[in-house]
N, C-alpha and C. Protein backbone atom coordinates (compact mmCIF):
# COMPACT_ATOMS: atom_id res chain seq x y z
N MET A 1 13.71 -25.15 -21.49
CA MET A 1 12.17 -24.61 -21.58
C MET A 1 12.13 -24.37 -22.99
N ASN A 2 10.68 -24.95 -23.29
CA ASN A 2 10.13 -24.58 -24.49
C ASN A 2 9.15 -23.40 -24.46
N ARG A 3 8.72 -22.97 -25.95
CA ARG A 3 7.65 -21.85 -26.05
C ARG A 3 6.55 -22.26 -25.07
N GLN A 4 5.80 -23.14 -24.92
CA GLN A 4 4.81 -23.38 -24.01
C GLN A 4 4.96 -23.36 -22.49
N ASN A 5 6.21 -23.57 -22.13
CA ASN A 5 6.64 -23.13 -20.69
C ASN A 5 6.86 -21.90 -20.58
N HIS A 6 7.20 -20.96 -21.70
CA HIS A 6 7.43 -19.68 -21.52
C HIS A 6 6.10 -19.04 -21.38
N SER A 7 5.31 -19.46 -22.33
CA SER A 7 4.08 -18.88 -22.50
C SER A 7 3.12 -19.11 -21.17
N GLU A 8 3.10 -20.27 -20.60
CA GLU A 8 2.49 -20.44 -19.14
C GLU A 8 2.96 -19.60 -17.90
N ALA A 9 4.47 -19.57 -18.12
CA ALA A 9 5.09 -18.50 -17.21
C ALA A 9 4.70 -17.05 -17.23
N LEU A 10 4.55 -16.67 -18.51
CA LEU A 10 4.09 -15.08 -18.72
C LEU A 10 2.56 -15.00 -18.31
N THR A 11 1.76 -16.10 -18.70
CA THR A 11 0.81 -16.03 -18.13
C THR A 11 0.48 -16.03 -16.51
N ASP A 12 1.30 -16.80 -16.10
CA ASP A 12 0.98 -16.80 -14.75
C ASP A 12 1.45 -15.27 -13.89
N LEU A 13 2.45 -14.86 -14.54
CA LEU A 13 3.36 -13.75 -14.12
C LEU A 13 1.78 -12.35 -14.52
N SER A 14 1.58 -12.65 -15.35
CA SER A 14 0.53 -11.43 -15.79
C SER A 14 -0.91 -11.40 -14.72
N ALA A 15 -1.20 -12.71 -14.41
CA ALA A 15 -2.15 -13.12 -13.38
C ALA A 15 -1.95 -12.36 -12.04
N ALA A 16 -0.51 -12.55 -11.84
CA ALA A 16 -0.26 -12.42 -10.60
C ALA A 16 0.27 -11.01 -10.25
N ARG A 17 0.58 -9.96 -11.45
CA ARG A 17 0.81 -8.72 -11.65
C ARG A 17 -0.95 -8.12 -11.26
N HIS A 18 -1.88 -8.45 -12.06
CA HIS A 18 -3.17 -8.14 -11.85
C HIS A 18 -3.69 -8.35 -10.25
N LYS A 19 -3.27 -9.27 -9.81
CA LYS A 19 -3.94 -9.93 -8.49
C LYS A 19 -3.30 -8.76 -7.30
N ILE A 20 -1.76 -8.50 -7.48
CA ILE A 20 -1.06 -7.62 -6.75
C ILE A 20 -1.53 -6.16 -7.06
N ALA A 21 -1.96 -5.60 -8.37
CA ALA A 21 -2.69 -4.46 -8.11
C ALA A 21 -3.89 -4.48 -7.61
N ILE A 22 -4.88 -5.38 -7.34
CA ILE A 22 -5.99 -5.31 -6.76
C ILE A 22 -5.82 -5.11 -5.46
N TYR A 23 -4.85 -6.04 -4.68
CA TYR A 23 -4.67 -6.09 -2.98
C TYR A 23 -3.90 -4.77 -2.97
N TRP A 24 -3.08 -4.15 -3.75
CA TRP A 24 -2.45 -2.85 -3.46
C TRP A 24 -3.62 -1.74 -3.07
N ARG A 25 -4.60 -1.96 -4.19
CA ARG A 25 -5.41 -0.69 -4.10
C ARG A 25 -6.36 -0.97 -2.69
N LEU A 26 -6.94 -2.12 -2.53
CA LEU A 26 -7.81 -2.37 -1.25
C LEU A 26 -6.50 -2.12 -0.05
N TYR A 27 -5.46 -2.42 0.13
CA TYR A 27 -4.76 -1.96 0.82
C TYR A 27 -4.73 -0.33 1.13
N VAL A 28 -4.52 0.23 0.16
CA VAL A 28 -4.47 2.01 0.10
C VAL A 28 -5.88 2.45 0.80
N GLU A 29 -6.89 1.83 0.16
CA GLU A 29 -8.31 2.28 0.71
C GLU A 29 -8.54 1.73 2.20
N TRP A 30 -7.89 0.79 2.65
CA TRP A 30 -8.16 0.47 4.15
C TRP A 30 -7.06 1.53 4.72
N LEU A 31 -5.77 1.83 4.39
CA LEU A 31 -4.96 2.72 4.87
C LEU A 31 -5.46 4.13 5.11
N ILE A 32 -6.44 4.64 4.02
CA ILE A 32 -6.99 5.83 4.15
C ILE A 32 -7.87 5.99 5.47
N GLY A 33 -8.67 4.85 5.46
CA GLY A 33 -9.74 4.73 6.52
C GLY A 33 -9.02 4.91 7.93
N VAL A 34 -7.86 4.47 8.23
CA VAL A 34 -7.35 4.09 9.32
C VAL A 34 -6.77 5.59 9.79
N GLY A 35 -6.91 5.50 11.12
CA GLY A 35 -6.29 6.84 12.04
C GLY A 35 -5.00 6.80 12.09
N TRP A 36 -4.28 7.91 12.59
CA TRP A 36 -3.03 8.09 12.65
C TRP A 36 -2.21 7.22 13.68
N GLY A 37 -3.32 7.44 14.63
CA GLY A 37 -2.72 6.64 15.86
C GLY A 37 -2.63 4.80 15.95
N ARG A 38 -3.87 4.63 15.10
CA ARG A 38 -3.61 3.02 14.74
C ARG A 38 -2.67 2.61 14.08
N LEU A 39 -2.25 3.66 12.81
CA LEU A 39 -1.12 3.60 12.02
C LEU A 39 0.15 3.29 12.81
N ALA A 40 0.42 4.23 13.94
CA ALA A 40 1.63 4.25 14.69
C ALA A 40 1.80 2.99 15.31
N LEU A 41 0.60 2.66 15.91
CA LEU A 41 0.49 1.26 16.83
C LEU A 41 0.66 0.04 16.00
N LEU A 42 0.19 -0.15 14.43
CA LEU A 42 0.50 -0.74 13.75
C LEU A 42 1.95 -1.23 13.31
N SER A 43 2.61 0.14 12.91
CA SER A 43 4.00 0.58 12.84
C SER A 43 4.93 -0.24 14.02
N LEU A 44 4.56 0.08 15.11
CA LEU A 44 5.11 -0.41 16.32
C LEU A 44 5.29 -1.87 16.39
N LEU A 45 3.86 -2.54 15.99
CA LEU A 45 3.79 -3.83 15.80
C LEU A 45 4.60 -4.74 14.92
N THR A 46 4.61 -3.62 13.71
CA THR A 46 5.51 -4.39 12.24
C THR A 46 7.06 -4.30 13.05
N VAL A 47 7.44 -3.38 13.36
CA VAL A 47 9.02 -3.14 14.23
C VAL A 47 9.39 -4.70 15.09
N ILE A 48 8.27 -4.51 15.81
CA ILE A 48 8.54 -5.92 16.63
C ILE A 48 8.55 -7.37 15.93
N LEU A 49 7.58 -7.19 14.95
CA LEU A 49 7.38 -8.62 14.37
C LEU A 49 8.92 -8.90 13.40
N GLY A 50 8.91 -7.58 12.58
CA GLY A 50 10.49 -7.54 11.94
C GLY A 50 11.79 -8.11 12.78
N GLY A 51 11.75 -7.38 14.05
CA GLY A 51 12.94 -7.93 14.82
C GLY A 51 12.73 -9.65 15.15
N VAL A 52 11.65 -9.99 15.40
CA VAL A 52 11.41 -11.29 15.48
C VAL A 52 11.73 -12.34 14.61
N LEU A 53 11.54 -12.06 13.29
CA LEU A 53 11.56 -12.67 12.43
C LEU A 53 12.93 -12.31 11.52
N MET A 54 13.61 -11.29 12.15
CA MET A 54 15.15 -11.00 11.63
C MET A 54 15.03 -10.38 10.37
N LEU A 55 13.85 -9.66 10.01
CA LEU A 55 13.60 -8.88 8.82
C LEU A 55 13.48 -7.48 8.95
N PRO A 56 14.25 -6.68 9.64
CA PRO A 56 14.24 -5.37 10.24
C PRO A 56 14.03 -4.10 8.91
N GLY A 57 14.71 -4.62 7.74
CA GLY A 57 14.74 -3.62 6.54
C GLY A 57 13.18 -3.84 5.85
N LEU A 58 12.72 -5.34 6.04
CA LEU A 58 11.56 -5.18 5.25
C LEU A 58 10.47 -4.67 6.15
N ALA A 59 10.75 -4.68 7.40
CA ALA A 59 9.69 -4.12 8.50
C ALA A 59 9.78 -2.37 8.07
N THR A 60 11.23 -1.68 7.81
CA THR A 60 10.99 -0.47 7.64
C THR A 60 10.61 -0.04 6.36
N VAL A 61 10.65 -1.05 5.37
CA VAL A 61 10.17 -0.65 4.02
C VAL A 61 8.65 -0.35 4.01
N LEU A 62 8.29 -1.57 4.64
CA LEU A 62 6.65 -1.43 4.88
C LEU A 62 6.12 -0.14 5.79
N ILE A 63 6.65 -0.02 6.70
CA ILE A 63 6.46 1.31 7.16
C ILE A 63 6.09 2.45 6.80
N LEU A 64 7.49 2.75 6.12
CA LEU A 64 7.90 4.05 5.21
C LEU A 64 6.44 4.24 4.03
N VAL A 65 6.41 3.00 3.44
CA VAL A 65 5.57 2.78 2.30
C VAL A 65 3.85 3.07 2.55
N SER A 66 3.97 2.81 3.85
CA SER A 66 2.36 2.91 4.45
C SER A 66 2.34 4.24 4.62
N ILE A 67 3.29 4.60 5.19
CA ILE A 67 3.26 6.18 5.62
C ILE A 67 3.25 7.10 4.47
N LEU A 68 3.89 6.97 3.57
CA LEU A 68 3.89 7.66 1.97
C LEU A 68 2.59 7.57 1.44
N ALA A 69 2.03 6.18 1.53
CA ALA A 69 0.73 6.37 0.77
C ALA A 69 -0.31 6.55 1.49
N LYS A 70 -0.56 6.68 2.63
CA LYS A 70 -1.48 7.50 3.66
C LYS A 70 -1.06 8.90 3.12
N LEU A 71 -0.09 9.76 3.34
CA LEU A 71 0.04 11.06 3.17
C LEU A 71 -0.54 11.35 1.67
N PHE A 72 -0.44 10.79 0.39
CA PHE A 72 -0.46 10.89 -0.94
C PHE A 72 -1.56 10.60 -1.35
N ALA A 73 -2.29 9.43 -0.69
CA ALA A 73 -3.46 8.93 -0.99
C ALA A 73 -4.76 9.32 -0.37
N GLY A 74 -4.54 10.09 0.69
CA GLY A 74 -5.52 10.50 1.62
C GLY A 74 -6.48 11.12 0.92
N PRO A 75 -7.42 11.22 1.78
CA PRO A 75 -8.96 12.10 0.93
C PRO A 75 -8.60 13.41 1.06
N ARG A 76 -9.00 13.89 -0.19
CA ARG A 76 -8.54 15.15 -0.82
C ARG A 76 -9.70 16.02 -0.21
N ARG A 77 -9.73 16.95 0.36
CA ARG A 77 -10.64 17.82 0.79
C ARG A 77 -11.09 19.29 -0.13
N PRO A 78 -12.23 19.10 -0.81
CA PRO A 78 -12.61 19.98 -2.04
C PRO A 78 -12.24 21.42 -1.64
N SER A 79 -11.90 22.37 -2.65
CA SER A 79 -11.61 23.90 -2.52
C SER A 79 -12.68 24.30 -1.73
N PRO A 80 -12.50 25.56 -1.31
CA PRO A 80 -13.54 25.84 -0.63
C PRO A 80 -14.12 26.95 -1.64
N ALA A 81 -15.48 27.07 -1.90
CA ALA A 81 -16.19 27.91 -3.16
C ALA A 81 -16.13 29.47 -2.82
N LEU A 82 -15.83 29.99 -3.80
CA LEU A 82 -15.31 31.40 -4.02
C LEU A 82 -17.05 32.34 -3.78
N PRO A 83 -16.73 33.26 -3.08
CA PRO A 83 -18.23 34.07 -2.97
C PRO A 83 -18.82 34.47 -4.07
N ASP A 84 -19.89 34.66 -4.29
CA ASP A 84 -20.25 35.28 -5.47
C ASP A 84 -20.26 36.79 -5.20
N GLU A 85 -19.75 37.33 -6.55
CA GLU A 85 -19.69 38.61 -6.48
C GLU A 85 -20.78 39.30 -7.56
N SER A 86 -21.80 39.90 -6.64
CA SER A 86 -22.85 40.43 -7.38
C SER A 86 -23.07 41.75 -7.14
C-alpha cells in the first residue's frame, strides 16, 4: 500500500465515523420517543431474530445498549421551581 491508498482509507474511515455518529443520534432520539412496552416487544423480536441468525450475543448487546441509552438519554424533567419567599 502506498501513501495515496492510506490517505483514501483514512478519508473513508473518517466519513464512516461521521455517518455512524449521525445514525446513532437519530437512533437515540427515536428510542427516547418509544415507550417501554414497545421497547420490550422489539427486544423480544431481536432475541428471536438473533436466534434465527445464530447471533444471540449480538442481540443481547443491542438490547442492553438500547435499554441503557433509553435510561440515560431519556427526557429530563425540569426541576420544580422553589416557592418565592416574600
